[in-house]
Amino acid sequence: MNLRFAAVALVGAFTFSLAFAVPASAQTPDLAAIARASGTPDIPGLKMVWLAPWGDPAKAHPWRNIIVHQTEGPSGSARGGAQEQNKNPTRRGVMVWVETDGTVYWAVAENLVPTHTDGADRNDNKYIDNSKTYRQVNKDTSIGVEFAGNYPDVTRGATEAQVAAWRILVKVLRARYGIPLERVYAHNWIDFKDARYCEGCALAKLAREWGE
């Protein structure tokens, strides 16, 4: 009898272990599928505040690039910036704002074009080959993502929470709009900016290093 119980227990334990041995791919969220949704989907790993819901991606503005910005606002300023952007979508600003705690604010409907990086005047090949960006990577072609919190020290990098959010967010943006990896840019790679620091450079480099 004891042997029988032992055998049953062994089979049960084996079945239990199999239940938790499901391939990781079966448990990993399909970001590509989520990225094609409409409305206000839950995106695993992101705390998303939807000020403007997604529509039909086929009807979105034809975005071709992503530009990383860093604002000289204090911690907590992303929410206010996103709210103001939502009230006046085409004002100077961006579509997506990221707070220091990693909260992402989707501020503007994806068929509208906020005003950012409208110069695209860098033509010196200092960081990248600008022959592909000069007068081309601008507000009309690019999604802007603003990372808040580098005040009063503009050289301060993004927080760990922002980097973690960016790792997921950049994949979602690229999947939703079909943007190639090499079209993720730092503000300072394509536009002249504050000489004290390279705006968005570290985050854009990370996105390219993470790859597909």
N, C-alpha and C. Protein backbone atom coordinates (compact mmCIF):
# COMPACT_ATOMS: atom_id res chain seq x y z
N MET A 1 0.83 -1.20 0.00
CA MET A 1 0.00 0.00 0.00
C MET A 1 0.87 1.25 0.00
N ASN A 2 1.92 1.20 0.80
CA ASN A 2 2.82 2.35 0.86
C ASN A 2 3.49 2.61 -0.49
N LEU A 3 3.81 1.49 -1.17
CA LEU A 3 4.42 1.65 -2.50
C LEU A 3 3.45 2.28 -3.48
N ARG A 4 2.17 1.88 -3.32
CA ARG A 4 1.17 2.45 -4.22
C ARG A 4 1.03 3.95 -4.00
N PHE A 5 0.95 4.32 -2.73
CA PHE A 5 0.86 5.75 -2.41
C PHE A 5 2.09 6.51 -2.88
N ALA A 6 3.24 5.85 -2.76
CA ALA A 6 4.48 6.50 -3.19
C ALA A 6 4.47 6.73 -4.69
N ALA A 7 3.95 5.72 -5.43
CA ALA A 7 3.89 5.85 -6.88
C ALA A 7 2.94 6.96 -7.29
N VAL A 8 1.76 7.02 -6.60
CA VAL A 8 0.80 8.07 -6.90
C VAL A 8 1.38 9.44 -6.61
N ALA A 9 2.08 9.54 -5.49
CA ALA A 9 2.69 10.82 -5.12
C ALA A 9 3.74 11.24 -6.14
N LEU A 10 4.50 10.25 -6.65
CA LEU A 10 5.54 10.55 -7.62
C LEU A 10 4.93 11.05 -8.93
N VAL A 11 3.85 10.39 -9.37
CA VAL A 11 3.17 10.81 -10.59
C VAL A 11 2.60 12.21 -10.42
N GLY A 12 2.02 12.47 -9.24
CA GLY A 12 1.46 13.79 -8.98
C GLY A 12 2.52 14.87 -9.01
N ALA A 13 3.65 14.56 -8.39
CA ALA A 13 4.74 15.54 -8.37
C ALA A 13 5.26 15.80 -9.77
N PHE A 14 5.33 14.72 -10.58
CA PHE A 14 5.79 14.88 -11.96
C PHE A 14 4.83 15.73 -12.77
N THR A 15 3.54 15.49 -12.59
CA THR A 15 2.52 16.28 -13.30
C THR A 15 2.59 17.74 -12.88
N PHE A 16 2.77 17.97 -11.57
CA PHE A 16 2.88 19.33 -11.03
C PHE A 16 4.06 20.06 -11.63
N SER A 17 5.20 19.33 -11.74
CA SER A 17 6.40 19.96 -12.30
C SER A 17 6.21 20.29 -13.77
N LEU A 18 5.46 19.40 -14.48
CA LEU A 18 5.21 19.69 -15.89
C LEU A 18 4.38 20.95 -16.08
N ALA A 19 3.47 21.16 -15.15
CA ALA A 19 2.61 22.34 -15.23
C ALA A 19 3.41 23.62 -15.19
N PHE A 20 4.54 23.55 -14.47
CA PHE A 20 5.39 24.73 -14.36
C PHE A 20 6.57 24.68 -15.31
N ALA A 21 6.58 23.65 -16.16
CA ALA A 21 7.65 23.53 -17.15
C ALA A 21 7.16 23.94 -18.53
N VAL A 22 6.05 24.70 -18.56
CA VAL A 22 5.54 25.21 -19.82
C VAL A 22 6.59 26.11 -20.44
N PRO A 23 6.84 25.96 -21.72
CA PRO A 23 7.86 26.82 -22.37
C PRO A 23 7.64 28.28 -22.05
N ALA A 24 8.75 28.99 -21.86
CA ALA A 24 8.66 30.41 -21.49
C ALA A 24 7.89 31.21 -22.54
N SER A 25 7.99 30.77 -23.81
CA SER A 25 7.33 31.50 -24.88
C SER A 25 5.82 31.50 -24.71
N ALA A 26 5.30 30.42 -24.03
CA ALA A 26 3.86 30.35 -23.83
C ALA A 26 3.39 31.32 -22.76
N GLN A 27 4.32 31.76 -21.92
CA GLN A 27 3.97 32.66 -20.85
C GLN A 27 4.42 34.10 -21.14
N THR A 28 5.27 34.28 -22.12
CA THR A 28 5.77 35.60 -22.46
C THR A 28 4.71 36.37 -23.25
N PRO A 29 4.38 37.58 -22.85
CA PRO A 29 3.36 38.34 -23.57
C PRO A 29 3.78 38.61 -25.01
N ASP A 30 2.83 38.52 -25.90
CA ASP A 30 3.07 38.79 -27.31
C ASP A 30 2.93 40.29 -27.56
N LEU A 31 4.04 41.01 -27.41
CA LEU A 31 4.00 42.46 -27.55
C LEU A 31 3.58 42.88 -28.95
N ALA A 32 3.96 42.09 -29.95
CA ALA A 32 3.60 42.43 -31.32
C ALA A 32 2.09 42.42 -31.50
N ALA A 33 1.43 41.42 -30.89
CA ALA A 33 -0.03 41.34 -30.98
C ALA A 33 -0.69 42.48 -30.21
N ILE A 34 -0.17 42.75 -29.01
CA ILE A 34 -0.72 43.84 -28.19
C ILE A 34 -0.55 45.17 -28.91
N ALA A 35 0.57 45.31 -29.60
CA ALA A 35 0.87 46.57 -30.28
C ALA A 35 -0.09 46.88 -31.43
N ARG A 36 -0.85 45.91 -31.88
CA ARG A 36 -1.80 46.14 -32.96
C ARG A 36 -3.21 46.38 -32.45
N ALA A 37 -3.36 46.48 -31.13
CA ALA A 37 -4.68 46.63 -30.53
C ALA A 37 -5.19 48.06 -30.68
N SER A 38 -6.44 48.25 -30.29
CA SER A 38 -7.04 49.58 -30.22
C SER A 38 -7.50 49.81 -28.79
N GLY A 39 -7.82 51.06 -28.47
CA GLY A 39 -8.31 51.36 -27.13
C GLY A 39 -7.19 51.61 -26.14
N THR A 40 -7.32 51.02 -24.96
CA THR A 40 -6.35 51.23 -23.88
C THR A 40 -5.88 49.88 -23.34
N PRO A 41 -5.13 49.14 -24.12
CA PRO A 41 -4.75 47.79 -23.70
C PRO A 41 -3.77 47.80 -22.52
N ASP A 42 -3.82 46.73 -21.75
CA ASP A 42 -2.80 46.51 -20.72
C ASP A 42 -1.54 46.00 -21.42
N ILE A 43 -0.42 46.62 -21.13
CA ILE A 43 0.84 46.20 -21.71
C ILE A 43 1.72 45.68 -20.58
N PRO A 44 1.93 44.37 -20.49
CA PRO A 44 2.72 43.79 -19.40
C PRO A 44 4.07 44.47 -19.24
N GLY A 45 4.38 44.85 -18.02
CA GLY A 45 5.66 45.50 -17.74
C GLY A 45 5.61 47.01 -17.80
N LEU A 46 4.50 47.57 -18.29
CA LEU A 46 4.37 49.02 -18.37
C LEU A 46 3.21 49.51 -17.52
N LYS A 47 3.44 50.59 -16.79
CA LYS A 47 2.35 51.30 -16.14
C LYS A 47 1.96 52.42 -17.09
N MET A 48 0.89 52.20 -17.85
CA MET A 48 0.51 53.12 -18.90
C MET A 48 -0.70 53.95 -18.47
N VAL A 49 -0.60 55.25 -18.58
CA VAL A 49 -1.72 56.16 -18.33
C VAL A 49 -2.18 56.66 -19.69
N TRP A 50 -3.40 56.29 -20.06
CA TRP A 50 -3.92 56.62 -21.39
C TRP A 50 -4.69 57.94 -21.34
N LEU A 51 -4.09 59.01 -21.79
CA LEU A 51 -4.80 60.28 -21.95
C LEU A 51 -5.45 60.34 -23.33
N ALA A 52 -4.91 59.59 -24.26
CA ALA A 52 -5.48 59.46 -25.60
C ALA A 52 -5.40 57.99 -25.98
N PRO A 53 -6.53 57.32 -26.20
CA PRO A 53 -6.50 55.89 -26.53
C PRO A 53 -5.98 55.64 -27.94
N TRP A 54 -5.54 54.42 -28.18
CA TRP A 54 -5.16 54.01 -29.52
C TRP A 54 -6.39 53.88 -30.40
N GLY A 55 -6.21 54.15 -31.67
CA GLY A 55 -7.26 53.90 -32.65
C GLY A 55 -6.87 52.72 -33.52
N ASP A 56 -7.34 52.73 -34.73
CA ASP A 56 -6.95 51.72 -35.71
C ASP A 56 -5.55 52.06 -36.18
N PRO A 57 -4.56 51.17 -35.98
CA PRO A 57 -3.19 51.52 -36.39
C PRO A 57 -3.07 51.83 -37.87
N ALA A 58 -3.96 51.28 -38.67
CA ALA A 58 -3.92 51.55 -40.11
C ALA A 58 -4.28 53.00 -40.43
N LYS A 59 -4.95 53.67 -39.48
CA LYS A 59 -5.38 55.05 -39.70
C LYS A 59 -4.49 56.05 -38.96
N ALA A 60 -3.43 55.55 -38.32
CA ALA A 60 -2.51 56.43 -37.62
C ALA A 60 -1.68 57.22 -38.62
N HIS A 61 -1.10 58.32 -38.16
CA HIS A 61 -0.16 59.07 -39.00
C HIS A 61 0.97 58.12 -39.41
N PRO A 62 1.50 58.25 -40.60
CA PRO A 62 2.56 57.34 -41.06
C PRO A 62 3.91 57.61 -40.40
N TRP A 63 4.03 57.19 -39.16
CA TRP A 63 5.27 57.40 -38.40
C TRP A 63 6.38 56.51 -38.95
N ARG A 64 7.56 57.08 -39.12
CA ARG A 64 8.68 56.33 -39.67
C ARG A 64 9.89 56.29 -38.74
N ASN A 65 9.90 57.14 -37.73
CA ASN A 65 11.06 57.23 -36.83
C ASN A 65 10.60 57.40 -35.39
N ILE A 66 11.53 57.17 -34.46
CA ILE A 66 11.32 57.45 -33.04
C ILE A 66 12.47 58.35 -32.59
N ILE A 67 12.13 59.44 -31.91
CA ILE A 67 13.16 60.35 -31.40
C ILE A 67 13.06 60.42 -29.88
N VAL A 68 14.19 60.20 -29.22
CA VAL A 68 14.25 60.22 -27.76
C VAL A 68 14.63 61.61 -27.28
N HIS A 69 13.79 62.17 -26.40
CA HIS A 69 14.04 63.48 -25.80
C HIS A 69 14.21 63.34 -24.29
N GLN A 70 14.86 64.31 -23.69
CA GLN A 70 14.93 64.44 -22.23
C GLN A 70 14.59 65.88 -21.87
N THR A 71 13.60 66.03 -21.00
CA THR A 71 13.16 67.37 -20.64
C THR A 71 13.86 67.84 -19.37
N GLU A 72 14.07 69.14 -19.27
CA GLU A 72 14.71 69.70 -18.09
C GLU A 72 13.69 70.01 -16.99
N GLY A 73 12.74 69.12 -16.83
CA GLY A 73 11.78 69.25 -15.75
C GLY A 73 12.16 68.39 -14.57
N PRO A 74 11.65 68.69 -13.38
CA PRO A 74 11.94 67.88 -12.19
C PRO A 74 11.16 66.58 -12.21
N SER A 75 11.48 65.70 -11.28
CA SER A 75 10.69 64.48 -11.12
C SER A 75 9.23 64.86 -10.89
N GLY A 76 8.32 64.16 -11.53
CA GLY A 76 6.91 64.45 -11.38
C GLY A 76 6.36 65.35 -12.46
N SER A 77 7.21 65.83 -13.35
CA SER A 77 6.77 66.80 -14.36
C SER A 77 6.17 66.17 -15.61
N ALA A 78 6.38 64.87 -15.80
CA ALA A 78 5.86 64.22 -17.01
C ALA A 78 4.34 64.26 -17.06
N ARG A 79 3.72 64.07 -15.92
CA ARG A 79 2.26 64.07 -15.89
C ARG A 79 1.69 65.41 -16.36
N GLY A 80 2.24 66.50 -15.79
CA GLY A 80 1.76 67.83 -16.18
C GLY A 80 2.03 68.12 -17.64
N GLY A 81 3.22 67.73 -18.11
CA GLY A 81 3.55 67.96 -19.51
C GLY A 81 2.62 67.19 -20.44
N ALA A 82 2.33 65.96 -20.07
CA ALA A 82 1.45 65.13 -20.89
C ALA A 82 0.02 65.67 -20.89
N GLN A 83 -0.42 66.15 -19.75
CA GLN A 83 -1.78 66.71 -19.67
C GLN A 83 -1.92 67.96 -20.51
N GLU A 84 -0.90 68.82 -20.47
CA GLU A 84 -0.93 70.02 -21.29
C GLU A 84 -0.88 69.66 -22.78
N GLN A 85 -0.09 68.65 -23.09
CA GLN A 85 0.00 68.19 -24.47
C GLN A 85 -1.33 67.65 -24.95
N ASN A 86 -2.02 66.95 -24.06
CA ASN A 86 -3.33 66.40 -24.41
C ASN A 86 -4.35 67.49 -24.72
N LYS A 87 -4.26 68.60 -23.96
CA LYS A 87 -5.18 69.71 -24.18
C LYS A 87 -4.89 70.44 -25.48
N ASN A 88 -3.61 70.49 -25.85
CA ASN A 88 -3.19 71.20 -27.05
C ASN A 88 -2.19 70.32 -27.80
N PRO A 89 -2.67 69.30 -28.52
CA PRO A 89 -1.81 68.25 -29.08
C PRO A 89 -0.68 68.74 -29.98
N THR A 90 -0.89 69.83 -30.70
CA THR A 90 0.13 70.24 -31.65
C THR A 90 1.11 71.27 -31.06
N ARG A 91 1.03 71.50 -29.75
CA ARG A 91 1.97 72.41 -29.11
C ARG A 91 3.37 71.81 -29.14
N ARG A 92 4.33 72.59 -28.68
CA ARG A 92 5.72 72.10 -28.61
C ARG A 92 5.79 70.98 -27.58
N GLY A 93 6.04 69.79 -28.01
CA GLY A 93 6.07 68.65 -27.11
C GLY A 93 6.01 67.35 -27.90
N VAL A 94 5.62 66.28 -27.22
CA VAL A 94 5.68 64.96 -27.84
C VAL A 94 4.41 64.15 -27.59
N MET A 95 4.38 62.99 -28.19
CA MET A 95 3.24 62.11 -28.05
C MET A 95 3.28 61.30 -26.75
N VAL A 96 4.47 60.87 -26.34
CA VAL A 96 4.62 59.95 -25.21
C VAL A 96 5.60 60.55 -24.19
N TRP A 97 5.19 60.51 -22.91
CA TRP A 97 6.01 61.05 -21.83
C TRP A 97 6.31 59.95 -20.81
N VAL A 98 7.53 59.93 -20.29
CA VAL A 98 7.93 58.89 -19.33
C VAL A 98 8.43 59.54 -18.05
N GLU A 99 7.77 59.22 -16.94
CA GLU A 99 8.11 59.78 -15.64
C GLU A 99 9.30 59.03 -15.03
N THR A 100 9.91 59.62 -14.02
CA THR A 100 11.08 59.02 -13.40
C THR A 100 10.77 57.68 -12.73
N ASP A 101 9.52 57.46 -12.36
CA ASP A 101 9.15 56.17 -11.75
C ASP A 101 8.76 55.13 -12.80
N GLY A 102 8.92 55.48 -14.08
CA GLY A 102 8.64 54.55 -15.16
C GLY A 102 7.23 54.63 -15.72
N THR A 103 6.37 55.45 -15.13
CA THR A 103 5.01 55.61 -15.64
C THR A 103 5.05 56.25 -17.02
N VAL A 104 4.30 55.67 -17.94
CA VAL A 104 4.25 56.16 -19.32
C VAL A 104 2.91 56.84 -19.56
N TYR A 105 2.95 58.05 -20.07
CA TYR A 105 1.73 58.80 -20.39
C TYR A 105 1.60 58.91 -21.91
N TRP A 106 0.53 58.31 -22.43
CA TRP A 106 0.26 58.45 -23.86
C TRP A 106 -0.65 59.66 -24.01
N ALA A 107 -0.09 60.75 -24.51
CA ALA A 107 -0.75 62.06 -24.40
C ALA A 107 -1.57 62.47 -25.61
N VAL A 108 -1.20 62.00 -26.78
CA VAL A 108 -1.77 62.55 -28.01
C VAL A 108 -2.27 61.43 -28.91
N ALA A 109 -3.42 61.65 -29.54
CA ALA A 109 -3.93 60.69 -30.51
C ALA A 109 -2.91 60.49 -31.62
N GLU A 110 -2.77 59.26 -32.07
CA GLU A 110 -1.67 58.90 -32.96
C GLU A 110 -1.84 59.40 -34.40
N ASN A 111 -2.94 60.06 -34.69
CA ASN A 111 -3.10 60.66 -36.01
C ASN A 111 -2.78 62.16 -36.00
N LEU A 112 -2.39 62.68 -34.83
CA LEU A 112 -2.02 64.09 -34.71
C LEU A 112 -0.51 64.24 -34.60
N VAL A 113 -0.01 65.42 -34.94
CA VAL A 113 1.45 65.64 -35.01
C VAL A 113 1.87 66.75 -34.06
N PRO A 114 2.44 66.39 -32.89
CA PRO A 114 2.97 67.42 -31.99
C PRO A 114 4.19 68.11 -32.62
N THR A 115 4.52 69.28 -32.09
CA THR A 115 5.66 70.03 -32.61
C THR A 115 6.92 69.70 -31.80
N HIS A 116 7.83 69.00 -32.41
CA HIS A 116 9.13 68.70 -31.78
C HIS A 116 10.13 68.42 -32.89
N THR A 117 11.36 68.71 -32.64
CA THR A 117 12.43 68.42 -33.59
C THR A 117 12.05 68.84 -35.01
N ASP A 118 11.63 70.08 -35.14
CA ASP A 118 11.22 70.53 -36.46
C ASP A 118 12.38 71.08 -37.28
N GLY A 119 13.59 71.11 -36.70
CA GLY A 119 14.73 71.61 -37.44
C GLY A 119 15.42 70.54 -38.27
N ALA A 120 15.77 69.43 -37.61
CA ALA A 120 16.52 68.35 -38.28
C ALA A 120 17.71 68.94 -39.03
N ASP A 121 18.45 69.78 -38.32
CA ASP A 121 19.48 70.57 -38.99
C ASP A 121 20.90 70.03 -38.81
N ARG A 122 21.03 68.89 -38.16
CA ARG A 122 22.38 68.35 -37.95
C ARG A 122 22.85 67.67 -39.23
N ASN A 123 23.98 68.12 -39.73
CA ASN A 123 24.50 67.60 -40.99
C ASN A 123 26.02 67.47 -40.91
N ASP A 124 26.49 67.04 -39.73
CA ASP A 124 27.94 66.99 -39.51
C ASP A 124 28.48 65.58 -39.31
N ASN A 125 27.59 64.59 -39.31
CA ASN A 125 27.99 63.19 -39.11
C ASN A 125 28.75 62.96 -37.80
N LYS A 126 28.52 63.82 -36.82
CA LYS A 126 29.25 63.69 -35.55
C LYS A 126 28.87 62.42 -34.81
N TYR A 127 27.60 62.06 -34.83
CA TYR A 127 27.13 60.88 -34.10
C TYR A 127 26.72 59.76 -35.04
N ILE A 128 26.03 60.11 -36.10
CA ILE A 128 25.56 59.13 -37.09
C ILE A 128 25.72 59.73 -38.48
N ASP A 129 25.44 58.95 -39.48
CA ASP A 129 25.46 59.43 -40.86
C ASP A 129 24.21 60.28 -41.07
N ASN A 130 24.38 61.59 -41.12
CA ASN A 130 23.24 62.49 -41.22
C ASN A 130 22.67 62.63 -42.62
N SER A 131 23.25 61.95 -43.58
CA SER A 131 22.70 62.02 -44.93
C SER A 131 21.29 61.42 -44.97
N LYS A 132 20.99 60.56 -44.00
CA LYS A 132 19.67 59.91 -43.94
C LYS A 132 18.70 60.65 -43.01
N THR A 133 19.20 61.65 -42.29
CA THR A 133 18.35 62.33 -41.32
C THR A 133 18.15 63.81 -41.63
N TYR A 134 19.10 64.41 -42.32
CA TYR A 134 19.07 65.84 -42.56
C TYR A 134 17.78 66.24 -43.30
N ARG A 135 17.00 67.11 -42.65
CA ARG A 135 15.73 67.61 -43.20
C ARG A 135 14.69 66.50 -43.41
N GLN A 136 14.94 65.32 -42.86
CA GLN A 136 14.02 64.20 -43.08
C GLN A 136 13.44 63.66 -41.78
N VAL A 137 14.27 63.55 -40.76
CA VAL A 137 13.79 63.04 -39.47
C VAL A 137 13.33 64.25 -38.66
N ASN A 138 12.02 64.49 -38.66
CA ASN A 138 11.47 65.69 -38.03
C ASN A 138 10.12 65.36 -37.42
N LYS A 139 9.41 66.39 -37.00
CA LYS A 139 8.13 66.18 -36.32
C LYS A 139 7.10 65.49 -37.20
N ASP A 140 7.17 65.70 -38.50
CA ASP A 140 6.19 65.13 -39.41
C ASP A 140 6.38 63.64 -39.64
N THR A 141 7.57 63.15 -39.34
CA THR A 141 7.86 61.74 -39.60
C THR A 141 8.15 60.94 -38.35
N SER A 142 8.21 61.61 -37.19
CA SER A 142 8.77 60.96 -36.01
C SER A 142 7.91 61.03 -34.76
N ILE A 143 7.85 59.93 -34.05
CA ILE A 143 7.22 59.88 -32.73
C ILE A 143 8.23 60.38 -31.71
N GLY A 144 7.82 61.32 -30.89
CA GLY A 144 8.70 61.83 -29.83
C GLY A 144 8.37 61.18 -28.51
N VAL A 145 9.41 60.74 -27.81
CA VAL A 145 9.26 60.17 -26.47
C VAL A 145 10.10 61.01 -25.51
N GLU A 146 9.44 61.62 -24.54
CA GLU A 146 10.09 62.55 -23.61
C GLU A 146 10.31 61.90 -22.26
N PHE A 147 11.57 61.87 -21.79
CA PHE A 147 11.91 61.35 -20.47
C PHE A 147 12.13 62.52 -19.53
N ALA A 148 11.33 62.59 -18.49
CA ALA A 148 11.38 63.71 -17.55
C ALA A 148 12.40 63.47 -16.45
N GLY A 149 12.83 64.58 -15.81
CA GLY A 149 13.55 64.44 -14.55
C GLY A 149 15.01 64.77 -14.52
N ASN A 150 15.57 65.45 -15.54
CA ASN A 150 17.01 65.76 -15.45
C ASN A 150 17.27 67.20 -15.00
N TYR A 151 16.38 67.72 -14.17
CA TYR A 151 16.58 69.04 -13.57
C TYR A 151 17.01 68.84 -12.11
N PRO A 152 17.95 69.60 -11.59
CA PRO A 152 18.65 70.73 -12.22
C PRO A 152 19.92 70.34 -12.97
N ASP A 153 20.27 69.06 -12.98
CA ASP A 153 21.49 68.62 -13.64
C ASP A 153 21.12 67.96 -14.97
N VAL A 154 21.30 68.67 -16.06
CA VAL A 154 20.87 68.16 -17.36
C VAL A 154 21.68 66.94 -17.80
N THR A 155 22.83 66.71 -17.17
CA THR A 155 23.65 65.56 -17.54
C THR A 155 23.18 64.29 -16.83
N ARG A 156 22.22 64.41 -15.94
CA ARG A 156 21.73 63.23 -15.22
C ARG A 156 21.03 62.29 -16.19
N GLY A 157 21.36 61.02 -16.11
CA GLY A 157 20.76 60.04 -17.01
C GLY A 157 19.38 59.62 -16.57
N ALA A 158 18.75 58.78 -17.37
CA ALA A 158 17.43 58.25 -17.03
C ALA A 158 17.52 57.35 -15.81
N THR A 159 16.43 57.23 -15.09
CA THR A 159 16.39 56.36 -13.91
C THR A 159 16.29 54.90 -14.36
N GLU A 160 16.55 53.98 -13.41
CA GLU A 160 16.41 52.56 -13.72
C GLU A 160 14.99 52.22 -14.15
N ALA A 161 14.02 52.86 -13.51
CA ALA A 161 12.62 52.61 -13.86
C ALA A 161 12.31 53.10 -15.27
N GLN A 162 12.88 54.22 -15.65
CA GLN A 162 12.67 54.72 -17.01
C GLN A 162 13.31 53.80 -18.04
N VAL A 163 14.50 53.32 -17.74
CA VAL A 163 15.18 52.41 -18.66
C VAL A 163 14.38 51.13 -18.83
N ALA A 164 13.86 50.60 -17.72
CA ALA A 164 13.06 49.38 -17.79
C ALA A 164 11.80 49.60 -18.62
N ALA A 165 11.15 50.75 -18.44
CA ALA A 165 9.96 51.06 -19.23
C ALA A 165 10.32 51.23 -20.70
N TRP A 166 11.43 51.86 -20.97
CA TRP A 166 11.87 52.11 -22.34
C TRP A 166 12.13 50.80 -23.09
N ARG A 167 12.68 49.82 -22.39
CA ARG A 167 12.98 48.52 -23.01
C ARG A 167 11.72 47.91 -23.64
N ILE A 168 10.59 48.07 -22.96
CA ILE A 168 9.33 47.54 -23.46
C ILE A 168 8.68 48.51 -24.43
N LEU A 169 8.67 49.78 -24.06
CA LEU A 169 7.98 50.79 -24.86
C LEU A 169 8.54 50.88 -26.27
N VAL A 170 9.85 50.85 -26.42
CA VAL A 170 10.42 51.00 -27.76
C VAL A 170 10.03 49.81 -28.64
N LYS A 171 9.92 48.63 -28.06
CA LYS A 171 9.49 47.46 -28.84
C LYS A 171 8.04 47.60 -29.27
N VAL A 172 7.20 48.13 -28.38
CA VAL A 172 5.79 48.32 -28.71
C VAL A 172 5.64 49.34 -29.83
N LEU A 173 6.34 50.45 -29.72
CA LEU A 173 6.26 51.50 -30.75
C LEU A 173 6.73 50.99 -32.10
N ARG A 174 7.82 50.26 -32.09
CA ARG A 174 8.37 49.75 -33.34
C ARG A 174 7.43 48.73 -33.97
N ALA A 175 6.84 47.89 -33.13
CA ALA A 175 5.92 46.87 -33.65
C ALA A 175 4.64 47.50 -34.19
N ARG A 176 4.13 48.50 -33.49
CA ARG A 176 2.86 49.11 -33.90
C ARG A 176 2.98 49.86 -35.22
N TYR A 177 4.09 50.54 -35.41
CA TYR A 177 4.22 51.39 -36.60
C TYR A 177 5.24 50.88 -37.62
N GLY A 178 5.78 49.70 -37.39
CA GLY A 178 6.72 49.12 -38.34
C GLY A 178 7.98 49.92 -38.51
N ILE A 179 8.53 50.39 -37.39
CA ILE A 179 9.72 51.25 -37.44
C ILE A 179 10.98 50.40 -37.25
N PRO A 180 11.91 50.42 -38.19
CA PRO A 180 13.15 49.64 -38.06
C PRO A 180 14.00 50.12 -36.89
N LEU A 181 14.82 49.23 -36.40
CA LEU A 181 15.68 49.54 -35.26
C LEU A 181 16.60 50.71 -35.52
N GLU A 182 17.10 50.80 -36.76
CA GLU A 182 18.05 51.86 -37.08
C GLU A 182 17.39 53.23 -37.20
N ARG A 183 16.07 53.29 -37.03
CA ARG A 183 15.38 54.57 -37.07
C ARG A 183 14.94 55.03 -35.68
N VAL A 184 15.63 54.54 -34.67
CA VAL A 184 15.48 55.08 -33.32
C VAL A 184 16.63 56.06 -33.11
N TYR A 185 16.30 57.32 -32.89
CA TYR A 185 17.30 58.37 -32.83
C TYR A 185 17.26 59.14 -31.51
N ALA A 186 18.41 59.64 -31.12
CA ALA A 186 18.48 60.62 -30.04
C ALA A 186 18.24 62.00 -30.63
N HIS A 187 17.65 62.88 -29.84
CA HIS A 187 17.42 64.26 -30.31
C HIS A 187 18.73 64.86 -30.83
N ASN A 188 19.79 64.66 -30.08
CA ASN A 188 21.04 65.32 -30.42
C ASN A 188 21.72 64.73 -31.64
N TRP A 189 21.28 63.54 -32.08
CA TRP A 189 21.86 62.97 -33.29
C TRP A 189 21.37 63.66 -34.54
N ILE A 190 20.21 64.28 -34.45
CA ILE A 190 19.61 64.83 -35.67
C ILE A 190 19.33 66.33 -35.59
N ASP A 191 19.42 66.88 -34.37
CA ASP A 191 19.13 68.30 -34.18
C ASP A 191 20.14 68.91 -33.22
N PHE A 192 20.61 70.11 -33.51
CA PHE A 192 21.51 70.79 -32.58
C PHE A 192 20.74 71.12 -31.30
N LYS A 193 21.37 70.92 -30.15
CA LYS A 193 20.70 71.15 -28.88
C LYS A 193 21.71 71.71 -27.89
N ASP A 194 21.38 71.60 -26.63
CA ASP A 194 22.21 72.09 -25.54
C ASP A 194 23.60 71.45 -25.59
N ALA A 195 24.62 72.28 -25.60
CA ALA A 195 25.99 71.77 -25.70
C ALA A 195 26.46 71.08 -24.42
N ARG A 196 25.70 71.25 -23.32
CA ARG A 196 26.13 70.67 -22.04
C ARG A 196 25.98 69.16 -21.98
N TYR A 197 25.10 68.59 -22.82
CA TYR A 197 24.89 67.14 -22.76
C TYR A 197 24.33 66.66 -24.08
N CYS A 198 24.35 65.34 -24.25
CA CYS A 198 23.85 64.73 -25.48
C CYS A 198 22.45 64.21 -25.20
N GLU A 199 21.45 64.99 -25.57
CA GLU A 199 20.07 64.65 -25.22
C GLU A 199 19.58 63.37 -25.89
N GLY A 200 19.18 62.41 -25.08
CA GLY A 200 18.60 61.17 -25.57
C GLY A 200 19.59 60.15 -26.07
N CYS A 201 20.87 60.48 -26.07
CA CYS A 201 21.86 59.60 -26.70
C CYS A 201 21.98 58.24 -26.01
N ALA A 202 22.07 58.23 -24.69
CA ALA A 202 22.24 56.97 -23.97
C ALA A 202 21.04 56.05 -24.19
N LEU A 203 19.84 56.60 -24.17
CA LEU A 203 18.63 55.79 -24.34
C LEU A 203 18.50 55.27 -25.77
N ALA A 204 18.83 56.10 -26.75
CA ALA A 204 18.78 55.64 -28.13
C ALA A 204 19.82 54.53 -28.38
N LYS A 205 21.01 54.69 -27.79
CA LYS A 205 22.03 53.66 -27.92
C LYS A 205 21.57 52.35 -27.31
N LEU A 206 20.94 52.44 -26.14
CA LEU A 206 20.43 51.24 -25.49
C LEU A 206 19.43 50.51 -26.37
N ALA A 207 18.51 51.26 -26.95
CA ALA A 207 17.50 50.64 -27.81
C ALA A 207 18.15 49.88 -28.97
N ARG A 208 19.16 50.47 -29.55
CA ARG A 208 19.83 49.80 -30.67
C ARG A 208 20.64 48.60 -30.20
N GLU A 209 21.22 48.70 -29.00
CA GLU A 209 21.99 47.58 -28.46
C GLU A 209 21.08 46.41 -28.08
N TRP A 210 19.89 46.72 -27.58
CA TRP A 210 18.94 45.65 -27.22
C TRP A 210 18.53 44.86 -28.45
N GLY A 211 18.52 45.51 -29.60
CA GLY A 211 18.19 44.81 -30.84
C GLY A 211 16.75 44.41 -30.93
N GLU A 212 16.50 43.39 -31.72
CA GLU A 212 15.13 42.96 -32.00
C GLU A 212 14.53 42.22 -30.81
